[in-house]
Amino acid sequence: MQMNKALTTTGIYRPGQPPQLFPVYDAHLNRMQELAFLIGDRLLSMPLGTLASVSETMKVGVVTLAGKIETVMLEHYSPLQSDDDVQWFCFTKQKYQDCDWGGEEQIDEIIVELEAWLARPVFTEIQPAQRLQTLAKGLEDWIENYESSQPS
């Protein structure tokens, strides 16, 4: 199984009109994604449940979702949170999982934190070790239930 490293292209698409693209924003977003994928590559060789402790409020992990390995960010994670309260997002674009990364300045702040982590990696563990995978399975189950309830 390979890691999903698809870079995101943002835009507004309206029928009958040329797409409105945002190449400057995408350059910042794609740099952040590329750094996250480097961290994800490092995590693949670590024991299950290992997270990159990027900052006090941001952790990065890897999880299998929809048949691909995804690099994910956990925001404001606490081991005491219920699964429903854990905020996690894939660094790649996902169906039904949107993350507002903010503007270029906010993305650049994340870039600085990811670069600092790559220069001096700090690891932590999520408990139980399979918790991220449990969260991903919950999302997959939700998508399956939602899509099966929609009219054909």
C-alpha atoms as a PDB file:
ATOM      1  CA  MET A   1       0.000   0.000   0.000  1.00  0.00           C
ATOM      2  CA  GLN A   2       1.356   3.415  -0.940  1.00  0.00           C
ATOM      3  CA  MET A   3       1.091   6.720   0.837  1.00  0.00           C
ATOM      4  CA  ASN A   4      -1.294   9.187  -0.768  1.00  0.00           C
ATOM      5  CA  LYS A   5       0.814  12.213  -1.713  1.00  0.00           C
ATOM      6  CA  ALA A   6      -1.679  13.915  -4.007  1.00  0.00           C
ATOM      7  CA  LEU A   7      -1.222  17.673  -3.861  1.00  0.00           C
ATOM      8  CA  THR A   8      -4.345  19.794  -3.614  1.00  0.00           C
ATOM      9  CA  THR A   9      -5.384  22.304  -6.262  1.00  0.00           C
ATOM     10  CA  THR A  10      -7.958  24.762  -5.008  1.00  0.00           C
ATOM     11  CA  GLY A  11     -10.425  26.557  -7.183  1.00  0.00           C
ATOM     12  CA  ILE A  12     -13.969  27.571  -7.852  1.00  0.00           C
ATOM     13  CA  TYR A  13     -15.648  25.566 -10.571  1.00  0.00           C
ATOM     14  CA  ARG A  14     -18.910  26.753 -12.115  1.00  0.00           C
ATOM     15  CA  PRO A  15     -20.668  25.126 -15.072  1.00  0.00           C
ATOM     16  CA  GLY A  16     -20.017  26.906 -18.332  1.00  0.00           C
ATOM     17  CA  GLN A  17     -17.239  29.093 -16.900  1.00  0.00           C
ATOM     18  CA  PRO A  18     -13.482  28.657 -16.782  1.00  0.00           C
ATOM     19  CA  PRO A  19     -12.253  27.589 -13.346  1.00  0.00           C
ATOM     20  CA  GLN A  20     -11.048  30.290 -10.985  1.00  0.00           C
ATOM     21  CA  LEU A  21      -7.733  28.948  -9.667  1.00  0.00           C
ATOM     22  CA  PHE A  22      -5.510  30.167  -6.840  1.00  0.00           C
ATOM     23  CA  PRO A  23      -1.895  29.276  -7.754  1.00  0.00           C
ATOM     24  CA  VAL A  24      -0.230  31.437  -5.082  1.00  0.00           C
ATOM     25  CA  TYR A  25      -2.359  29.927  -2.323  1.00  0.00           C
ATOM     26  CA  ASP A  26      -1.770  26.446  -3.772  1.00  0.00           C
ATOM     27  CA  ALA A  27       2.005  26.972  -3.653  1.00  0.00           C
ATOM     28  CA  HIS A  28       1.804  27.538   0.115  1.00  0.00           C
ATOM     29  CA  LEU A  29      -0.657  24.672   0.597  1.00  0.00           C
ATOM     30  CA  ASN A  30       1.435  22.271  -1.486  1.00  0.00           C
ATOM     31  CA  ARG A  31       4.636  23.158   0.419  1.00  0.00           C
ATOM     32  CA  MET A  32       2.835  22.332   3.677  1.00  0.00           C
ATOM     33  CA  GLN A  33       1.595  19.044   2.206  1.00  0.00           C
ATOM     34  CA  GLU A  34       5.068  18.077   0.962  1.00  0.00           C
ATOM     35  CA  LEU A  35       6.564  18.660   4.429  1.00  0.00           C
ATOM     36  CA  ALA A  36       3.757  16.667   6.045  1.00  0.00           C
ATOM     37  CA  PHE A  37       4.423  13.789   3.631  1.00  0.00           C
ATOM     38  CA  LEU A  38       8.106  13.793   4.669  1.00  0.00           C
ATOM     39  CA  ILE A  39       6.979  13.422   8.279  1.00  0.00           C
ATOM     40  CA  GLY A  40       4.525  10.705   7.244  1.00  0.00           C
ATOM     41  CA  ASP A  41       7.348   8.811   5.525  1.00  0.00           C
ATOM     42  CA  ARG A  42       9.347   8.893   8.774  1.00  0.00           C
ATOM     43  CA  LEU A  43       6.357   7.672  10.775  1.00  0.00           C
ATOM     44  CA  LEU A  44       5.826   4.657   8.510  1.00  0.00           C
ATOM     45  CA  SER A  45       8.978   3.095   9.934  1.00  0.00           C
ATOM     46  CA  MET A  46       7.885   3.700  13.543  1.00  0.00           C
ATOM     47  CA  PRO A  47       5.748   1.474  15.788  1.00  0.00           C
ATOM     48  CA  LEU A  48       1.960   1.707  15.509  1.00  0.00           C
ATOM     49  CA  GLY A  49       0.632   4.663  17.479  1.00  0.00           C
ATOM     50  CA  THR A  50       3.709   6.847  17.051  1.00  0.00           C
ATOM     51  CA  LEU A  51       2.952  10.515  16.395  1.00  0.00           C
ATOM     52  CA  ALA A  52       5.190  13.406  15.436  1.00  0.00           C
ATOM     53  CA  SER A  53       4.830  15.983  18.189  1.00  0.00           C
ATOM     54  CA  VAL A  54       5.094  19.068  15.978  1.00  0.00           C
ATOM     55  CA  SER A  55       3.910  21.475  18.669  1.00  0.00           C
ATOM     56  CA  GLU A  56       1.913  21.421  21.863  1.00  0.00           C
ATOM     57  CA  THR A  57      -1.284  21.737  19.818  1.00  0.00           C
ATOM     58  CA  MET A  58      -0.357  19.804  16.656  1.00  0.00           C
ATOM     59  CA  LYS A  59       0.511  16.141  16.203  1.00  0.00           C
ATOM     60  CA  VAL A  60       1.019  14.312  12.901  1.00  0.00           C
ATOM     61  CA  GLY A  61       0.320  10.633  12.325  1.00  0.00           C
ATOM     62  CA  VAL A  62      -0.330   8.117   9.568  1.00  0.00           C
ATOM     63  CA  VAL A  63      -3.454   6.039   9.062  1.00  0.00           C
ATOM     64  CA  THR A  64      -5.006   3.815   6.428  1.00  0.00           C
ATOM     65  CA  LEU A  65      -8.124   5.419   4.967  1.00  0.00           C
ATOM     66  CA  ALA A  66     -10.054   4.265   1.897  1.00  0.00           C
ATOM     67  CA  GLY A  67      -7.264   1.874   0.935  1.00  0.00           C
ATOM     68  CA  LYS A  68      -4.453   4.453   1.067  1.00  0.00           C
ATOM     69  CA  ILE A  69      -1.963   5.513   3.698  1.00  0.00           C
ATOM     70  CA  GLU A  70      -2.747   9.081   4.708  1.00  0.00           C
ATOM     71  CA  THR A  71      -0.723  11.614   6.670  1.00  0.00           C
ATOM     72  CA  VAL A  72      -3.008  13.294   9.186  1.00  0.00           C
ATOM     73  CA  MET A  73      -2.901  16.198  11.598  1.00  0.00           C
ATOM     74  CA  LEU A  74      -4.431  16.069  15.055  1.00  0.00           C
ATOM     75  CA  GLU A  75      -5.324  19.495  16.438  1.00  0.00           C
ATOM     76  CA  HIS A  76      -5.462  20.253  20.152  1.00  0.00           C
ATOM     77  CA  TYR A  77      -5.213  16.539  20.905  1.00  0.00           C
ATOM     78  CA  SER A  78      -5.515  15.282  24.455  1.00  0.00           C
ATOM     79  CA  PRO A  79      -5.437  11.599  25.439  1.00  0.00           C
ATOM     80  CA  LEU A  80      -8.483  12.261  27.627  1.00  0.00           C
ATOM     81  CA  GLN A  81     -10.708  13.294  24.702  1.00  0.00           C
ATOM     82  CA  SER A  82     -13.465  11.002  23.550  1.00  0.00           C
ATOM     83  CA  ASP A  83     -13.089   9.789  19.980  1.00  0.00           C
ATOM     84  CA  ASP A  84     -15.920  12.126  18.928  1.00  0.00           C
ATOM     85  CA  ASP A  85     -13.938  15.118  20.213  1.00  0.00           C
ATOM     86  CA  VAL A  86     -10.631  14.340  18.474  1.00  0.00           C
ATOM     87  CA  GLN A  87     -10.052  16.818  15.636  1.00  0.00           C
ATOM     88  CA  TRP A  88      -8.068  15.160  12.860  1.00  0.00           C
ATOM     89  CA  PHE A  89      -7.651  15.987   9.197  1.00  0.00           C
ATOM     90  CA  CYS A  90      -5.869  14.424   6.252  1.00  0.00           C
ATOM     91  CA  PHE A  91      -3.255  16.581   4.565  1.00  0.00           C
ATOM     92  CA  THR A  92      -4.735  15.414   1.235  1.00  0.00           C
ATOM     93  CA  LYS A  93      -8.199  16.307  -0.024  1.00  0.00           C
ATOM     94  CA  GLN A  94     -10.776  13.792   1.201  1.00  0.00           C
ATOM     95  CA  LYS A  95     -14.419  13.175   0.511  1.00  0.00           C
ATOM     96  CA  TYR A  96     -16.589  14.677   3.287  1.00  0.00           C
ATOM     97  CA  GLN A  97     -13.576  15.826   5.306  1.00  0.00           C
ATOM     98  CA  ASP A  98     -12.788  19.479   4.761  1.00  0.00           C
ATOM     99  CA  CYS A  99     -10.113  21.322   6.617  1.00  0.00           C
ATOM    100  CA  ASP A 100      -9.891  25.084   6.433  1.00  0.00           C
ATOM    101  CA  TRP A 101      -6.154  25.604   6.604  1.00  0.00           C
ATOM    102  CA  GLY A 102      -6.730  29.342   6.704  1.00  0.00           C
ATOM    103  CA  GLY A 103      -4.937  31.830   4.514  1.00  0.00           C
ATOM    104  CA  GLU A 104      -1.368  31.874   3.326  1.00  0.00           C
ATOM    105  CA  GLU A 105      -0.119  33.327   6.638  1.00  0.00           C
ATOM    106  CA  GLN A 106      -1.712  30.526   8.675  1.00  0.00           C
ATOM    107  CA  ILE A 107      -0.349  27.892   6.290  1.00  0.00           C
ATOM    108  CA  ASP A 108       3.107  29.485   6.542  1.00  0.00           C
ATOM    109  CA  GLU A 109       2.913  29.182  10.339  1.00  0.00           C
ATOM    110  CA  ILE A 110       2.246  25.457   9.957  1.00  0.00           C
ATOM    111  CA  ILE A 111       5.122  25.215   7.453  1.00  0.00           C
ATOM    112  CA  VAL A 112       7.517  26.752   9.994  1.00  0.00           C
ATOM    113  CA  GLU A 113       6.389  24.230  12.628  1.00  0.00           C
ATOM    114  CA  LEU A 114       6.756  21.283  10.236  1.00  0.00           C
ATOM    115  CA  GLU A 115      10.226  22.444   9.151  1.00  0.00           C
ATOM    116  CA  ALA A 116      11.275  22.835  12.790  1.00  0.00           C
ATOM    117  CA  TRP A 117      10.059  19.295  13.526  1.00  0.00           C
ATOM    118  CA  LEU A 118      12.014  17.896  10.567  1.00  0.00           C
ATOM    119  CA  ALA A 119      15.153  19.610  11.903  1.00  0.00           C
ATOM    120  CA  ARG A 120      14.572  18.271  15.447  1.00  0.00           C
ATOM    121  CA  PRO A 121      12.059  15.418  15.506  1.00  0.00           C
ATOM    122  CA  VAL A 122      10.125  14.748  18.699  1.00  0.00           C
ATOM    123  CA  PHE A 123       7.836  11.725  18.927  1.00  0.00           C
ATOM    124  CA  THR A 124       4.966  10.820  21.187  1.00  0.00           C
ATOM    125  CA  GLU A 125       2.456   7.988  21.274  1.00  0.00           C
ATOM    126  CA  ILE A 126      -1.282   7.845  20.970  1.00  0.00           C
ATOM    127  CA  GLN A 127      -3.017   5.435  23.306  1.00  0.00           C
ATOM    128  CA  PRO A 128      -4.288   2.952  22.527  1.00  0.00           C
ATOM    129  CA  ALA A 129      -1.893   2.523  19.602  1.00  0.00           C
ATOM    130  CA  GLN A 130      -4.712   1.741  17.143  1.00  0.00           C
ATOM    131  CA  ARG A 131      -6.762   4.823  18.098  1.00  0.00           C
ATOM    132  CA  LEU A 132      -6.077   6.722  14.859  1.00  0.00           C
ATOM    133  CA  GLN A 133      -7.063   3.685  12.825  1.00  0.00           C
ATOM    134  CA  THR A 134     -10.263   3.404  14.881  1.00  0.00           C
ATOM    135  CA  LEU A 135     -11.064   7.042  14.056  1.00  0.00           C
ATOM    136  CA  ALA A 136     -10.424   6.403  10.346  1.00  0.00           C
ATOM    137  CA  LYS A 137     -12.666   3.333  10.416  1.00  0.00           C
ATOM    138  CA  GLY A 138     -15.380   5.442  12.027  1.00  0.00           C
ATOM    139  CA  LEU A 139     -15.131   7.939   9.156  1.00  0.00           C
ATOM    140  CA  GLU A 140     -15.240   5.158   6.565  1.00  0.00           C
ATOM    141  CA  ASP A 141     -18.324   3.680   8.243  1.00  0.00           C
ATOM    142  CA  TRP A 142     -20.007   7.097   8.331  1.00  0.00           C
ATOM    143  CA  ILE A 143     -19.304   7.640   4.615  1.00  0.00           C
ATOM    144  CA  GLU A 144     -20.657   4.200   3.750  1.00  0.00           C
ATOM    145  CA  ASN A 145     -23.834   4.765   5.799  1.00  0.00           C
ATOM    146  CA  TYR A 146     -24.336   8.258   4.398  1.00  0.00           C
ATOM    147  CA  GLU A 147     -23.840   7.239   0.775  1.00  0.00           C
ATOM    148  CA  SER A 148     -26.055   4.173   1.099  1.00  0.00           C
ATOM    149  CA  SER A 149     -28.864   6.373   2.456  1.00  0.00           C
ATOM    150  CA  GLN A 150     -28.760   8.734  -0.551  1.00  0.00           C
ATOM    151  CA  PRO A 151     -31.152   8.244  -3.467  1.00  0.00           C
ATOM    152  CA  SER A 152     -29.512   6.688  -6.510  1.00  0.00           C
END
